[in-house]
Protein backbone atom coordinates (compact mmCIF):
# COMPACT_ATOMS: atom_id res chain seq x y z
CA UNK A 1 -9.40 0.90 16.40
CA UNK A 2 -8.46 -0.26 12.50
CA UNK A 3 -7.86 1.93 9.85
CA UNK A 4 -6.82 1.34 5.88
CA UNK A 5 -6.90 3.64 2.67
CA UNK A 6 -7.35 2.71 -0.89
CA UNK A 7 -5.94 3.23 -3.46
CA UNK A 8 -2.48 3.40 -2.88
CA UNK A 9 -2.16 5.26 -6.19
CA UNK A 10 -4.88 8.15 -6.86
CA UNK A 11 -6.04 10.69 -8.85
CA UNK A 12 -9.20 12.73 -7.70
CA UNK A 13 -10.25 10.96 -4.46
CA UNK A 14 -9.23 8.47 -1.60
CA UNK A 15 -11.33 6.17 0.80
CA UNK A 16 -10.24 5.48 4.65
CA UNK A 17 -12.02 3.32 6.33
CA UNK A 18 -11.96 3.64 10.51
CA UNK A 19 -13.37 0.41 12.44
CA UNK A 20 -14.10 1.99 15.58
CA UNK A 21 -14.88 0.37 18.93
CA UNK A 22 -16.53 3.77 20.23
CA UNK A 23 -17.40 7.31 19.10
CA UNK A 24 -14.67 9.77 18.41
CA UNK A 25 -13.34 12.37 16.25
CA UNK A 26 -10.29 11.97 14.22
CA UNK A 27 -8.00 14.15 11.89
CA UNK A 28 -7.18 13.37 8.44
CA UNK A 29 -4.47 15.01 6.78
CA UNK A 30 -2.19 14.60 3.31
CA UNK A 31 1.25 16.02 3.59
CA UNK A 32 3.67 16.53 0.49
CA UNK A 33 7.19 15.58 0.25
CA UNK A 34 8.20 19.04 1.18
CA UNK A 35 5.91 18.77 4.68
CA UNK A 36 3.41 21.13 3.77
CA UNK A 37 -0.24 19.88 4.59
CA UNK A 38 -2.29 20.12 1.43
CA UNK A 39 -5.61 18.91 2.80
CA UNK A 40 -6.97 18.63 6.38
CA UNK A 41 -10.51 17.36 7.70
CA UNK A 42 -12.10 16.38 10.49
CA UNK A 43 -14.50 13.62 11.08
CA UNK A 44 -16.74 12.16 13.41
CA UNK A 45 -16.53 8.29 13.73
CA UNK A 46 -18.94 6.12 15.53
CA UNK A 47 -19.08 2.37 16.92
CA UNK A 48 -18.50 0.24 13.73
CA UNK A 49 -17.39 0.86 9.93
CA UNK A 50 -16.74 4.24 9.07
CA UNK A 51 -16.10 4.78 5.59
CA UNK A 52 -14.93 8.38 4.16
CA UNK A 53 -14.39 9.77 1.02
CA UNK A 54 -11.72 12.44 0.67
CA UNK A 55 -12.40 13.57 -2.78
CA UNK A 56 -11.83 16.90 -4.88
CA UNK A 57 -8.31 16.82 -4.53
CA UNK A 58 -7.40 16.98 -8.13
CA UNK A 59 -5.67 20.62 -7.27
CA UNK A 60 -2.82 18.33 -5.72
CA UNK A 61 0.40 17.94 -7.61
CA UNK A 62 1.84 14.75 -8.80
CA UNK A 63 3.97 13.12 -6.37
CA UNK A 64 4.04 11.30 -2.82
CA UNK A 65 1.89 12.31 0.01
CA UNK A 66 2.09 11.33 3.87
CA UNK A 67 -1.67 10.27 4.52
CA UNK A 68 -2.21 10.58 8.58
CA UNK A 69 -5.22 9.88 10.61
CA UNK A 70 -5.15 11.19 14.10
CA UNK A 71 -7.18 11.15 16.88
CA UNK A 72 -8.35 14.65 18.86
CA UNK A 73 -5.04 14.56 21.16
CA UNK A 74 -3.00 14.13 17.97
CA UNK A 75 -2.21 10.62 18.79
CA UNK A 76 -1.01 9.42 15.10
CA UNK A 77 -3.22 6.19 14.68
CA UNK A 78 -2.57 5.54 10.92
CA UNK A 79 -0.28 6.40 8.24
CA UNK A 80 0.53 5.55 4.74
CA UNK A 81 2.41 7.08 1.75
CA UNK A 82 0.32 7.58 -1.62
CA UNK A 83 0.97 8.50 -4.84
CA UNK A 84 -0.87 11.08 -6.73
CA UNK A 85 -1.01 10.75 -10.68
């Protein structure tokens, strides 16, 4: 499974691409610097490229956020630090 996200600096939305060898379920979350999960969503992924747009997140405060993608067993598949402006 290959995962990437963009942009690193965001305002209202983030794109996450998950390239998977098989079908499954993933959980995408954004955690602030205080360790509070501010957004969490579950997505079904299918074989091939899956493009997920995380939008309507303008309610988030400015600052750094940890973006994580985990599988159904809570195994961490991807993490990245993103900056909200």
